[in-house]
Amino acid sequence: MKVLMVDVDGVLVHGRPSDGLSLFTYLERDHGLPLDTFQNEFFNPYWVGIVTGREPIEPRLSEVLKRIAPHLETETLLKYWFENDSLLDQRLLDRLGALRQDDVRLYLATNQEHRRAAYLMNEMGLGRHFDGIFYSADLGHRKPTHDFYRLATDSAGVSPSEIAFLDDMLENVEAAREFGWNAVQWMADMELETALTSLTTPHPSRQPIRL
């Protein structure tokens, strides 16, 4: 294994720092915006284009907020969004750091738009712990499409068989395996060593790797 790719949400990051609840749990209480309205008016029609980099988040979010929550500023909501989705698994981060000291390159591999990708690397400090980030808005494709894995592999400069991958979403794991990555589904309370050891067990769609 020369490279370990790590998903963000559901693996490294787990919701609100104060209690681990989903970031929008109290959106209506805090900002007067019902979550189902936000989902229907913003995420359902526009999110795919935003998260694959076809348009920036700010103009579309501003346009939607003017219709459904004119009292709420775009930057206020983005700040609330990012800060409420920033609970880091420090134990996992520490274990990854030890792995990096053993000359394994670490990258984030995640579906993100540009603003939060920058927040993760800069404001949350993940840029100090990882060699880089491969994210959907930058690549123009999101997991689980094979183009995401192909472009990330090309940028990492290794063969697919030299990449290990942790993701909590089974469809992303299965697609990565189909592409040739050594992928494992990350589960709650899983240990990094357990996840990596499982990659030495033959799977129908992958070859065993040497840790």
N, C-alpha and C. Protein backbone atom coordinates (compact mmCIF):
# COMPACT_ATOMS: atom_id res chain seq x y z
N MET A 1 0.85 -1.20 0.00
CA MET A 1 0.00 0.00 0.00
C MET A 1 0.88 1.25 0.00
N LYS A 2 0.80 2.01 -1.06
CA LYS A 2 1.55 3.26 -1.13
C LYS A 2 0.70 4.47 -0.76
N VAL A 3 -0.61 4.34 -0.99
CA VAL A 3 -1.52 5.47 -0.79
C VAL A 3 -2.76 4.99 -0.03
N LEU A 4 -3.20 5.78 0.93
CA LEU A 4 -4.47 5.53 1.60
C LEU A 4 -5.38 6.73 1.35
N MET A 5 -6.51 6.47 0.72
CA MET A 5 -7.55 7.48 0.50
C MET A 5 -8.60 7.35 1.60
N VAL A 6 -9.01 8.48 2.15
CA VAL A 6 -9.94 8.47 3.28
C VAL A 6 -11.11 9.40 2.99
N ASP A 7 -12.31 8.88 3.12
CA ASP A 7 -13.51 9.70 2.99
C ASP A 7 -13.60 10.66 4.19
N VAL A 8 -14.40 11.70 4.04
CA VAL A 8 -14.55 12.69 5.11
C VAL A 8 -15.78 12.39 5.96
N ASP A 9 -16.96 12.69 5.45
CA ASP A 9 -18.18 12.61 6.25
C ASP A 9 -18.57 11.15 6.50
N GLY A 10 -18.71 10.81 7.76
CA GLY A 10 -19.02 9.45 8.15
C GLY A 10 -17.79 8.62 8.47
N VAL A 11 -16.62 9.17 8.17
CA VAL A 11 -15.36 8.49 8.52
C VAL A 11 -14.54 9.39 9.44
N LEU A 12 -14.11 10.52 8.93
CA LEU A 12 -13.31 11.45 9.73
C LEU A 12 -14.15 12.49 10.46
N VAL A 13 -15.27 12.87 9.89
CA VAL A 13 -16.10 13.95 10.43
C VAL A 13 -17.50 13.41 10.73
N HIS A 14 -18.02 13.80 11.91
CA HIS A 14 -19.27 13.22 12.38
C HIS A 14 -20.21 14.27 12.97
N GLY A 15 -20.57 15.28 12.19
CA GLY A 15 -21.62 16.19 12.59
C GLY A 15 -21.19 17.29 13.54
N ARG A 16 -22.10 17.68 14.41
CA ARG A 16 -21.91 18.85 15.28
C ARG A 16 -20.84 18.58 16.35
N PRO A 17 -19.89 19.50 16.54
CA PRO A 17 -18.86 19.30 17.56
C PRO A 17 -19.42 19.18 18.97
N SER A 18 -20.55 19.81 19.24
CA SER A 18 -21.09 19.82 20.59
C SER A 18 -21.74 18.51 21.00
N ASP A 19 -22.33 17.78 20.02
CA ASP A 19 -23.08 16.59 20.39
C ASP A 19 -23.08 15.48 19.34
N GLY A 20 -22.45 15.71 18.18
CA GLY A 20 -22.40 14.69 17.15
C GLY A 20 -23.67 14.52 16.35
N LEU A 21 -24.66 15.35 16.60
CA LEU A 21 -25.90 15.27 15.83
C LEU A 21 -25.68 15.80 14.41
N SER A 22 -26.59 15.45 13.53
CA SER A 22 -26.52 15.94 12.15
C SER A 22 -26.47 17.45 12.11
N LEU A 23 -25.70 18.00 11.18
CA LEU A 23 -25.43 19.43 11.16
C LEU A 23 -26.68 20.30 11.09
N PHE A 24 -27.73 19.85 10.44
CA PHE A 24 -28.94 20.66 10.28
C PHE A 24 -30.05 20.28 11.25
N THR A 25 -29.71 19.58 12.32
CA THR A 25 -30.71 19.13 13.29
C THR A 25 -31.57 20.27 13.79
N TYR A 26 -30.96 21.41 14.11
CA TYR A 26 -31.68 22.54 14.67
C TYR A 26 -31.72 23.74 13.73
N LEU A 27 -31.68 23.48 12.44
CA LEU A 27 -31.68 24.56 11.45
C LEU A 27 -32.91 25.45 11.59
N GLU A 28 -34.08 24.86 11.73
CA GLU A 28 -35.29 25.67 11.83
C GLU A 28 -35.31 26.46 13.13
N ARG A 29 -34.90 25.86 14.21
CA ARG A 29 -34.86 26.57 15.50
C ARG A 29 -33.86 27.72 15.45
N ASP A 30 -32.70 27.48 14.88
CA ASP A 30 -31.61 28.46 14.91
C ASP A 30 -31.76 29.55 13.86
N HIS A 31 -32.34 29.20 12.70
CA HIS A 31 -32.38 30.17 11.61
C HIS A 31 -33.74 30.28 10.91
N GLY A 32 -34.76 29.64 11.45
CA GLY A 32 -36.10 29.78 10.89
C GLY A 32 -36.27 29.18 9.51
N LEU A 33 -35.44 28.19 9.18
CA LEU A 33 -35.53 27.55 7.86
C LEU A 33 -35.82 26.07 8.05
N PRO A 34 -37.02 25.61 7.69
CA PRO A 34 -37.35 24.18 7.81
C PRO A 34 -36.44 23.35 6.92
N LEU A 35 -35.93 22.26 7.46
CA LEU A 35 -34.99 21.44 6.71
C LEU A 35 -35.61 20.84 5.46
N ASP A 36 -36.87 20.41 5.54
CA ASP A 36 -37.49 19.82 4.36
C ASP A 36 -37.63 20.84 3.23
N THR A 37 -37.90 22.09 3.59
CA THR A 37 -37.97 23.15 2.58
C THR A 37 -36.60 23.38 1.94
N PHE A 38 -35.58 23.43 2.76
CA PHE A 38 -34.22 23.60 2.26
C PHE A 38 -33.82 22.44 1.36
N GLN A 39 -34.18 21.24 1.76
CA GLN A 39 -33.89 20.05 0.96
C GLN A 39 -34.58 20.13 -0.41
N ASN A 40 -35.85 20.45 -0.41
CA ASN A 40 -36.63 20.46 -1.64
C ASN A 40 -36.25 21.60 -2.58
N GLU A 41 -35.91 22.75 -2.01
CA GLU A 41 -35.67 23.93 -2.83
C GLU A 41 -34.21 24.13 -3.23
N PHE A 42 -33.30 23.52 -2.47
CA PHE A 42 -31.88 23.71 -2.77
C PHE A 42 -31.18 22.40 -3.14
N PHE A 43 -31.18 21.46 -2.23
CA PHE A 43 -30.40 20.24 -2.47
C PHE A 43 -30.95 19.41 -3.62
N ASN A 44 -32.24 19.17 -3.63
CA ASN A 44 -32.80 18.30 -4.67
C ASN A 44 -32.54 18.81 -6.08
N PRO A 45 -32.79 20.08 -6.38
CA PRO A 45 -32.59 20.52 -7.76
C PRO A 45 -31.16 20.93 -8.12
N TYR A 46 -30.35 21.35 -7.15
CA TYR A 46 -29.09 22.01 -7.50
C TYR A 46 -27.82 21.34 -7.00
N TRP A 47 -27.95 20.44 -6.04
CA TRP A 47 -26.74 19.98 -5.37
C TRP A 47 -25.79 19.21 -6.28
N VAL A 48 -26.31 18.39 -7.17
CA VAL A 48 -25.43 17.61 -8.05
C VAL A 48 -24.54 18.53 -8.88
N GLY A 49 -25.11 19.59 -9.42
CA GLY A 49 -24.31 20.53 -10.20
C GLY A 49 -23.27 21.24 -9.36
N ILE A 50 -23.61 21.55 -8.13
CA ILE A 50 -22.67 22.25 -7.25
C ILE A 50 -21.56 21.33 -6.80
N VAL A 51 -21.89 20.11 -6.40
CA VAL A 51 -20.90 19.21 -5.83
C VAL A 51 -20.00 18.61 -6.90
N THR A 52 -20.37 18.76 -8.17
CA THR A 52 -19.49 18.32 -9.25
C THR A 52 -18.83 19.51 -9.96
N GLY A 53 -18.94 20.68 -9.36
CA GLY A 53 -18.18 21.83 -9.84
C GLY A 53 -18.74 22.54 -11.05
N ARG A 54 -19.96 22.24 -11.43
CA ARG A 54 -20.52 22.90 -12.61
C ARG A 54 -20.99 24.32 -12.30
N GLU A 55 -21.22 24.62 -11.03
CA GLU A 55 -21.53 25.97 -10.62
C GLU A 55 -21.11 26.16 -9.17
N PRO A 56 -20.71 27.38 -8.78
CA PRO A 56 -20.33 27.63 -7.39
C PRO A 56 -21.55 27.64 -6.49
N ILE A 57 -21.32 27.45 -5.23
CA ILE A 57 -22.44 27.34 -4.30
C ILE A 57 -23.10 28.68 -4.01
N GLU A 58 -22.32 29.75 -3.93
CA GLU A 58 -22.84 31.01 -3.41
C GLU A 58 -24.00 31.61 -4.22
N PRO A 59 -23.88 31.75 -5.56
CA PRO A 59 -24.99 32.38 -6.28
C PRO A 59 -26.29 31.61 -6.19
N ARG A 60 -26.20 30.29 -6.32
CA ARG A 60 -27.43 29.49 -6.28
C ARG A 60 -28.03 29.49 -4.88
N LEU A 61 -27.19 29.39 -3.86
CA LEU A 61 -27.71 29.41 -2.49
C LEU A 61 -28.34 30.76 -2.18
N SER A 62 -27.73 31.83 -2.64
CA SER A 62 -28.29 33.17 -2.41
C SER A 62 -29.65 33.31 -3.07
N GLU A 63 -29.77 32.81 -4.29
CA GLU A 63 -31.04 32.90 -5.02
C GLU A 63 -32.14 32.13 -4.30
N VAL A 64 -31.80 30.94 -3.79
CA VAL A 64 -32.79 30.12 -3.10
C VAL A 64 -33.18 30.77 -1.77
N LEU A 65 -32.22 31.28 -1.03
CA LEU A 65 -32.53 31.89 0.25
C LEU A 65 -33.41 33.13 0.10
N LYS A 66 -33.25 33.86 -0.97
CA LYS A 66 -34.11 35.02 -1.20
C LYS A 66 -35.57 34.61 -1.32
N ARG A 67 -35.81 33.41 -1.80
CA ARG A 67 -37.17 32.91 -1.99
C ARG A 67 -37.73 32.28 -0.72
N ILE A 68 -36.91 31.49 -0.01
CA ILE A 68 -37.46 30.69 1.08
C ILE A 68 -37.07 31.19 2.48
N ALA A 69 -36.02 32.03 2.56
CA ALA A 69 -35.59 32.55 3.87
C ALA A 69 -34.88 33.88 3.66
N PRO A 70 -35.62 34.92 3.24
CA PRO A 70 -34.99 36.20 2.90
C PRO A 70 -34.29 36.88 4.08
N HIS A 71 -34.58 36.46 5.27
CA HIS A 71 -33.93 37.01 6.45
C HIS A 71 -32.53 36.44 6.68
N LEU A 72 -32.17 35.39 5.95
CA LEU A 72 -30.94 34.63 6.22
C LEU A 72 -29.90 34.91 5.14
N GLU A 73 -28.74 35.41 5.55
CA GLU A 73 -27.65 35.71 4.63
C GLU A 73 -26.91 34.43 4.22
N THR A 74 -26.43 34.41 2.99
CA THR A 74 -25.72 33.24 2.48
C THR A 74 -24.51 32.89 3.32
N GLU A 75 -23.68 33.88 3.64
CA GLU A 75 -22.48 33.60 4.41
C GLU A 75 -22.80 33.15 5.83
N THR A 76 -23.89 33.64 6.38
CA THR A 76 -24.31 33.19 7.71
C THR A 76 -24.64 31.71 7.69
N LEU A 77 -25.38 31.29 6.66
CA LEU A 77 -25.75 29.88 6.57
C LEU A 77 -24.53 29.01 6.29
N LEU A 78 -23.63 29.45 5.43
CA LEU A 78 -22.44 28.65 5.14
C LEU A 78 -21.58 28.49 6.39
N LYS A 79 -21.43 29.54 7.16
CA LYS A 79 -20.65 29.46 8.40
C LYS A 79 -21.30 28.46 9.36
N TYR A 80 -22.61 28.56 9.51
CA TYR A 80 -23.36 27.64 10.36
C TYR A 80 -23.19 26.20 9.87
N TRP A 81 -23.29 26.01 8.58
CA TRP A 81 -23.18 24.70 7.93
C TRP A 81 -21.82 24.08 8.24
N PHE A 82 -20.76 24.79 7.92
CA PHE A 82 -19.42 24.23 8.05
C PHE A 82 -19.04 24.00 9.52
N GLU A 83 -19.39 24.93 10.39
CA GLU A 83 -19.03 24.79 11.79
C GLU A 83 -19.82 23.67 12.47
N ASN A 84 -21.02 23.40 11.98
CA ASN A 84 -21.85 22.35 12.56
C ASN A 84 -21.59 20.99 11.94
N ASP A 85 -20.61 20.91 11.06
CA ASP A 85 -20.24 19.63 10.46
C ASP A 85 -18.73 19.48 10.55
N SER A 86 -18.22 19.55 11.79
CA SER A 86 -16.77 19.61 11.95
C SER A 86 -16.25 18.80 13.14
N LEU A 87 -17.04 17.84 13.62
CA LEU A 87 -16.57 16.99 14.72
C LEU A 87 -15.60 15.96 14.18
N LEU A 88 -14.33 16.12 14.49
CA LEU A 88 -13.29 15.23 13.99
C LEU A 88 -13.14 13.99 14.87
N ASP A 89 -12.89 12.86 14.24
CA ASP A 89 -12.50 11.65 14.96
C ASP A 89 -10.99 11.76 15.22
N GLN A 90 -10.64 12.34 16.36
CA GLN A 90 -9.23 12.60 16.63
C GLN A 90 -8.44 11.32 16.78
N ARG A 91 -9.05 10.29 17.31
CA ARG A 91 -8.36 9.01 17.46
C ARG A 91 -7.95 8.47 16.10
N LEU A 92 -8.88 8.48 15.16
CA LEU A 92 -8.55 8.01 13.81
C LEU A 92 -7.49 8.90 13.18
N LEU A 93 -7.60 10.20 13.38
CA LEU A 93 -6.63 11.12 12.81
C LEU A 93 -5.23 10.82 13.34
N ASP A 94 -5.13 10.52 14.62
CA ASP A 94 -3.83 10.19 15.21
C ASP A 94 -3.27 8.89 14.62
N ARG A 95 -4.13 7.90 14.45
CA ARG A 95 -3.68 6.63 13.88
C ARG A 95 -3.22 6.82 12.43
N LEU A 96 -3.93 7.65 11.70
CA LEU A 96 -3.52 7.94 10.33
C LEU A 96 -2.17 8.64 10.30
N GLY A 97 -1.94 9.50 11.27
CA GLY A 97 -0.66 10.19 11.34
C GLY A 97 0.49 9.23 11.52
N ALA A 98 0.28 8.21 12.35
CA ALA A 98 1.32 7.20 12.54
C ALA A 98 1.59 6.44 11.26
N LEU A 99 0.53 6.17 10.51
CA LEU A 99 0.68 5.48 9.24
C LEU A 99 1.46 6.35 8.24
N ARG A 100 1.19 7.63 8.26
CA ARG A 100 1.89 8.55 7.36
C ARG A 100 3.38 8.59 7.67
N GLN A 101 3.74 8.44 8.91
CA GLN A 101 5.15 8.43 9.29
C GLN A 101 5.86 7.20 8.75
N ASP A 102 5.09 6.18 8.39
CA ASP A 102 5.66 4.97 7.78
C ASP A 102 5.67 5.07 6.26
N ASP A 103 5.66 6.30 5.76
CA ASP A 103 5.81 6.57 4.32
C ASP A 103 4.61 6.15 3.48
N VAL A 104 3.43 6.07 4.09
CA VAL A 104 2.19 5.92 3.32
C VAL A 104 1.64 7.32 3.06
N ARG A 105 1.35 7.63 1.82
CA ARG A 105 0.77 8.93 1.51
C ARG A 105 -0.72 8.90 1.81
N LEU A 106 -1.21 9.96 2.43
CA LEU A 106 -2.61 10.06 2.82
C LEU A 106 -3.32 11.15 2.01
N TYR A 107 -4.48 10.82 1.49
CA TYR A 107 -5.30 11.79 0.77
C TYR A 107 -6.75 11.67 1.23
N LEU A 108 -7.44 12.79 1.26
CA LEU A 108 -8.88 12.77 1.40
C LEU A 108 -9.50 12.50 0.04
N ALA A 109 -10.53 11.67 0.00
CA ALA A 109 -11.24 11.36 -1.25
C ALA A 109 -12.72 11.51 -0.94
N THR A 110 -13.34 12.60 -1.40
CA THR A 110 -14.61 13.01 -0.82
C THR A 110 -15.48 13.76 -1.82
N ASN A 111 -16.78 13.66 -1.66
CA ASN A 111 -17.73 14.47 -2.42
C ASN A 111 -17.93 15.79 -1.68
N GLN A 112 -17.38 16.87 -2.23
CA GLN A 112 -17.48 18.19 -1.61
C GLN A 112 -17.56 19.26 -2.70
N GLU A 113 -18.17 20.40 -2.34
CA GLU A 113 -18.06 21.57 -3.20
C GLU A 113 -16.82 22.37 -2.76
N HIS A 114 -16.49 23.41 -3.51
CA HIS A 114 -15.20 24.08 -3.31
C HIS A 114 -15.05 24.73 -1.93
N ARG A 115 -16.09 25.39 -1.45
CA ARG A 115 -15.96 26.14 -0.20
C ARG A 115 -15.68 25.21 0.99
N ARG A 116 -16.43 24.12 1.09
CA ARG A 116 -16.20 23.25 2.25
C ARG A 116 -14.89 22.49 2.10
N ALA A 117 -14.50 22.15 0.89
CA ALA A 117 -13.20 21.49 0.71
C ALA A 117 -12.09 22.37 1.26
N ALA A 118 -12.16 23.67 0.96
CA ALA A 118 -11.16 24.60 1.48
C ALA A 118 -11.25 24.71 3.00
N TYR A 119 -12.46 24.71 3.52
CA TYR A 119 -12.67 24.79 4.98
C TYR A 119 -12.05 23.58 5.67
N LEU A 120 -12.25 22.41 5.10
CA LEU A 120 -11.69 21.20 5.68
C LEU A 120 -10.18 21.27 5.77
N MET A 121 -9.57 21.70 4.69
CA MET A 121 -8.11 21.70 4.63
C MET A 121 -7.49 22.84 5.42
N ASN A 122 -8.13 24.00 5.42
CA ASN A 122 -7.54 25.19 6.03
C ASN A 122 -8.08 25.46 7.42
N GLU A 123 -9.37 25.70 7.55
CA GLU A 123 -9.94 26.06 8.84
C GLU A 123 -9.91 24.89 9.83
N MET A 124 -10.19 23.69 9.35
CA MET A 124 -10.15 22.52 10.23
C MET A 124 -8.76 21.92 10.35
N GLY A 125 -7.86 22.37 9.51
CA GLY A 125 -6.46 21.97 9.63
C GLY A 125 -6.10 20.62 9.05
N LEU A 126 -6.98 20.03 8.24
CA LEU A 126 -6.67 18.71 7.70
C LEU A 126 -5.52 18.76 6.69
N GLY A 127 -5.24 19.94 6.17
CA GLY A 127 -4.10 20.07 5.27
C GLY A 127 -2.78 19.73 5.93
N ARG A 128 -2.73 19.81 7.26
CA ARG A 128 -1.50 19.45 7.98
C ARG A 128 -1.34 17.94 8.13
N HIS A 129 -2.43 17.22 7.97
CA HIS A 129 -2.43 15.79 8.22
C HIS A 129 -2.47 14.94 6.95
N PHE A 130 -2.80 15.56 5.82
CA PHE A 130 -2.94 14.83 4.58
C PHE A 130 -2.07 15.45 3.49
N ASP A 131 -1.70 14.61 2.54
CA ASP A 131 -0.86 15.08 1.43
C ASP A 131 -1.66 15.82 0.38
N GLY A 132 -2.97 15.76 0.47
CA GLY A 132 -3.82 16.47 -0.48
C GLY A 132 -5.26 16.01 -0.35
N ILE A 133 -6.11 16.56 -1.20
CA ILE A 133 -7.52 16.21 -1.21
C ILE A 133 -7.99 16.04 -2.65
N PHE A 134 -8.69 14.96 -2.91
CA PHE A 134 -9.37 14.74 -4.18
C PHE A 134 -10.87 14.87 -3.90
N TYR A 135 -11.48 15.88 -4.49
CA TYR A 135 -12.89 16.11 -4.19
C TYR A 135 -13.68 16.36 -5.47
N SER A 136 -14.96 16.07 -5.40
CA SER A 136 -15.80 15.97 -6.59
C SER A 136 -15.89 17.26 -7.38
N ALA A 137 -16.01 18.40 -6.71
CA ALA A 137 -16.15 19.66 -7.46
C ALA A 137 -14.89 19.98 -8.25
N ASP A 138 -13.75 19.56 -7.72
CA ASP A 138 -12.48 19.80 -8.41
C ASP A 138 -12.28 18.81 -9.55
N LEU A 139 -12.67 17.57 -9.34
CA LEU A 139 -12.50 16.54 -10.38
C LEU A 139 -13.60 16.58 -11.43
N GLY A 140 -14.73 17.20 -11.10
CA GLY A 140 -15.85 17.23 -12.04
C GLY A 140 -16.69 15.98 -12.03
N HIS A 141 -16.42 15.08 -11.11
CA HIS A 141 -17.16 13.81 -10.99
C HIS A 141 -17.21 13.46 -9.51
N ARG A 142 -18.28 12.80 -9.10
CA ARG A 142 -18.41 12.41 -7.71
C ARG A 142 -18.42 10.90 -7.58
N LYS A 143 -18.03 10.44 -6.40
CA LYS A 143 -18.22 9.02 -6.08
C LYS A 143 -19.71 8.72 -6.14
N PRO A 144 -20.11 7.56 -6.64
CA PRO A 144 -19.31 6.39 -6.99
C PRO A 144 -18.98 6.24 -8.47
N THR A 145 -18.94 7.31 -9.25
CA THR A 145 -18.61 7.17 -10.66
C THR A 145 -17.14 6.78 -10.82
N HIS A 146 -16.86 5.95 -11.80
CA HIS A 146 -15.48 5.50 -12.00
C HIS A 146 -14.56 6.64 -12.40
N ASP A 147 -15.10 7.69 -12.99
CA ASP A 147 -14.25 8.83 -13.35
C ASP A 147 -13.62 9.46 -12.12
N PHE A 148 -14.32 9.48 -11.00
CA PHE A 148 -13.74 10.01 -9.77
C PHE A 148 -12.50 9.21 -9.39
N TYR A 149 -12.61 7.89 -9.39
CA TYR A 149 -11.49 7.05 -8.99
C TYR A 149 -10.36 7.11 -10.01
N ARG A 150 -10.72 7.20 -11.27
CA ARG A 150 -9.69 7.27 -12.31
C ARG A 150 -8.87 8.55 -12.17
N LEU A 151 -9.54 9.67 -12.00
CA LEU A 151 -8.83 10.94 -11.90
C LEU A 151 -8.01 11.03 -10.63
N ALA A 152 -8.54 10.52 -9.53
CA ALA A 152 -7.77 10.52 -8.28
C ALA A 152 -6.54 9.62 -8.40
N THR A 153 -6.70 8.49 -9.05
CA THR A 153 -5.58 7.58 -9.25
C THR A 153 -4.50 8.23 -10.10
N ASP A 154 -4.91 8.86 -11.19
CA ASP A 154 -3.95 9.53 -12.07
C ASP A 154 -3.18 10.61 -11.30
N SER A 155 -3.88 11.37 -10.48
CA SER A 155 -3.23 12.45 -9.73
C SER A 155 -2.29 11.90 -8.66
N ALA A 156 -2.63 10.77 -8.08
CA ALA A 156 -1.77 10.17 -7.06
C ALA A 156 -0.52 9.56 -7.66
N GLY A 157 -0.57 9.23 -8.94
CA GLY A 157 0.60 8.72 -9.63
C GLY A 157 0.99 7.30 -9.26
N VAL A 158 0.00 6.49 -8.88
CA VAL A 158 0.25 5.09 -8.56
C VAL A 158 -0.78 4.24 -9.30
N SER A 159 -0.60 2.94 -9.26
CA SER A 159 -1.59 2.06 -9.86
C SER A 159 -2.75 1.86 -8.90
N PRO A 160 -3.94 1.51 -9.41
CA PRO A 160 -5.09 1.29 -8.52
C PRO A 160 -4.81 0.26 -7.42
N SER A 161 -4.05 -0.75 -7.74
CA SER A 161 -3.78 -1.81 -6.76
C SER A 161 -2.91 -1.35 -5.61
N GLU A 162 -2.29 -0.18 -5.73
CA GLU A 162 -1.44 0.36 -4.67
C GLU A 162 -2.19 1.33 -3.76
N ILE A 163 -3.50 1.45 -3.99
CA ILE A 163 -4.33 2.38 -3.22
C ILE A 163 -5.28 1.61 -2.31
N ALA A 164 -5.31 1.98 -1.04
CA ALA A 164 -6.33 1.52 -0.09
C ALA A 164 -7.30 2.67 0.14
N PHE A 165 -8.53 2.33 0.53
CA PHE A 165 -9.59 3.34 0.59
C PHE A 165 -10.56 3.01 1.70
N LEU A 166 -10.89 4.02 2.51
CA LEU A 166 -11.89 3.89 3.58
C LEU A 166 -13.07 4.80 3.27
N ASP A 167 -14.27 4.24 3.26
CA ASP A 167 -15.48 5.01 3.01
C ASP A 167 -16.63 4.34 3.74
N ASP A 168 -17.55 5.14 4.27
CA ASP A 168 -18.67 4.54 5.01
C ASP A 168 -19.81 4.11 4.11
N MET A 169 -19.82 4.56 2.86
CA MET A 169 -20.92 4.25 1.94
C MET A 169 -20.57 3.02 1.10
N LEU A 170 -21.39 1.98 1.20
CA LEU A 170 -21.10 0.73 0.52
C LEU A 170 -21.01 0.92 -1.00
N GLU A 171 -21.87 1.75 -1.57
CA GLU A 171 -21.82 1.93 -3.03
C GLU A 171 -20.50 2.54 -3.47
N ASN A 172 -19.92 3.40 -2.64
CA ASN A 172 -18.62 3.98 -2.98
C ASN A 172 -17.52 2.95 -2.86
N VAL A 173 -17.62 2.11 -1.86
CA VAL A 173 -16.64 1.04 -1.65
C VAL A 173 -16.69 0.05 -2.81
N GLU A 174 -17.88 -0.35 -3.19
CA GLU A 174 -18.01 -1.33 -4.27
C GLU A 174 -17.50 -0.78 -5.59
N ALA A 175 -17.80 0.49 -5.86
CA ALA A 175 -17.31 1.10 -7.10
C ALA A 175 -15.80 1.21 -7.09
N ALA A 176 -15.22 1.54 -5.94
CA ALA A 176 -13.76 1.62 -5.85
C ALA A 176 -13.13 0.25 -6.09
N ARG A 177 -13.72 -0.78 -5.54
CA ARG A 177 -13.21 -2.14 -5.77
C ARG A 177 -13.28 -2.52 -7.24
N GLU A 178 -14.38 -2.15 -7.88
CA GLU A 178 -14.52 -2.44 -9.31
C GLU A 178 -13.42 -1.76 -10.12
N PHE A 179 -13.02 -0.57 -9.66
CA PHE A 179 -11.97 0.15 -10.37
C PHE A 179 -10.58 -0.42 -10.07
N GLY A 180 -10.46 -1.15 -8.98
CA GLY A 180 -9.17 -1.76 -8.65
C GLY A 180 -8.56 -1.31 -7.35
N TRP A 181 -9.23 -0.36 -6.66
CA TRP A 181 -8.74 0.05 -5.35
C TRP A 181 -9.02 -1.05 -4.33
N ASN A 182 -8.22 -1.06 -3.27
CA ASN A 182 -8.43 -1.97 -2.15
C ASN A 182 -9.28 -1.24 -1.11
N ALA A 183 -10.57 -1.42 -1.18
CA ALA A 183 -11.50 -0.59 -0.41
C ALA A 183 -12.20 -1.39 0.67
N VAL A 184 -12.46 -0.71 1.79
CA VAL A 184 -13.18 -1.34 2.89
C VAL A 184 -14.23 -0.36 3.39
N GLN A 185 -15.39 -0.88 3.75
CA GLN A 185 -16.45 -0.03 4.29
C GLN A 185 -16.15 0.28 5.75
N TRP A 186 -16.07 1.58 6.07
CA TRP A 186 -15.79 2.02 7.42
C TRP A 186 -17.07 1.97 8.25
N MET A 187 -16.99 1.32 9.40
CA MET A 187 -18.14 1.18 10.28
C MET A 187 -17.88 1.91 11.59
N ALA A 188 -18.95 2.27 12.27
CA ALA A 188 -18.83 2.94 13.57
C ALA A 188 -18.01 2.09 14.52
N ASP A 189 -17.10 2.74 15.25
CA ASP A 189 -16.24 2.10 16.25
C ASP A 189 -15.21 1.15 15.65
N MET A 190 -15.02 1.20 14.32
CA MET A 190 -13.99 0.38 13.70
C MET A 190 -12.61 0.94 14.01
N GLU A 191 -11.64 0.07 14.17
CA GLU A 191 -10.25 0.48 14.37
C GLU A 191 -9.54 0.51 13.02
N LEU A 192 -8.64 1.46 12.84
CA LEU A 192 -7.91 1.56 11.57
C LEU A 192 -7.16 0.27 11.28
N GLU A 193 -6.52 -0.29 12.29
CA GLU A 193 -5.75 -1.52 12.08
C GLU A 193 -6.66 -2.65 11.60
N THR A 194 -7.88 -2.72 12.15
CA THR A 194 -8.82 -3.76 11.73
C THR A 194 -9.22 -3.56 10.28
N ALA A 195 -9.48 -2.32 9.90
CA ALA A 195 -9.87 -2.03 8.52
C ALA A 195 -8.77 -2.41 7.56
N LEU A 196 -7.54 -2.04 7.86
CA LEU A 196 -6.43 -2.33 6.95
C LEU A 196 -6.10 -3.81 6.91
N THR A 197 -6.22 -4.48 8.05
CA THR A 197 -5.97 -5.91 8.07
C THR A 197 -6.99 -6.65 7.22
N SER A 198 -8.22 -6.16 7.19
CA SER A 198 -9.26 -6.82 6.39
C SER A 198 -8.93 -6.78 4.91
N LEU A 199 -8.10 -5.85 4.51
CA LEU A 199 -7.73 -5.75 3.09
C LEU A 199 -6.79 -6.85 2.66
N THR A 200 -6.21 -7.57 3.61
CA THR A 200 -5.35 -8.70 3.25
C THR A 200 -6.16 -9.96 3.00
N THR A 201 -7.47 -9.90 3.32
CA THR A 201 -8.36 -11.03 3.07
C THR A 201 -8.90 -10.96 1.66
N PRO A 202 -8.70 -11.98 0.84
CA PRO A 202 -9.15 -11.91 -0.55
C PRO A 202 -10.63 -11.59 -0.67
N HIS A 203 -10.94 -10.74 -1.62
CA HIS A 203 -12.32 -10.36 -1.94
C HIS A 203 -12.52 -10.64 -3.42
N PRO A 204 -13.71 -11.06 -3.85
CA PRO A 204 -13.92 -11.39 -5.26
C PRO A 204 -13.48 -10.31 -6.24
N SER A 205 -13.50 -9.03 -5.82
CA SER A 205 -13.20 -7.96 -6.77
C SER A 205 -11.88 -7.25 -6.47
N ARG A 206 -11.02 -7.86 -5.64
CA ARG A 206 -9.74 -7.23 -5.38
C ARG A 206 -8.68 -8.27 -5.10
N GLN A 207 -7.43 -7.87 -5.20
CA GLN A 207 -6.31 -8.71 -4.85
C GLN A 207 -5.83 -8.34 -3.44
N PRO A 208 -5.30 -9.30 -2.69
CA PRO A 208 -4.74 -8.97 -1.38
C PRO A 208 -3.61 -7.98 -1.53
N ILE A 209 -3.43 -7.12 -0.53
CA ILE A 209 -2.34 -6.16 -0.57
C ILE A 209 -1.40 -6.40 0.60
N ARG A 210 -0.21 -5.91 0.45
CA ARG A 210 0.78 -5.97 1.52
C ARG A 210 0.76 -4.66 2.27
N LEU A 211 0.56 -4.74 3.59
CA LEU A 211 0.51 -3.54 4.40
C LEU A 211 1.93 -3.04 4.67
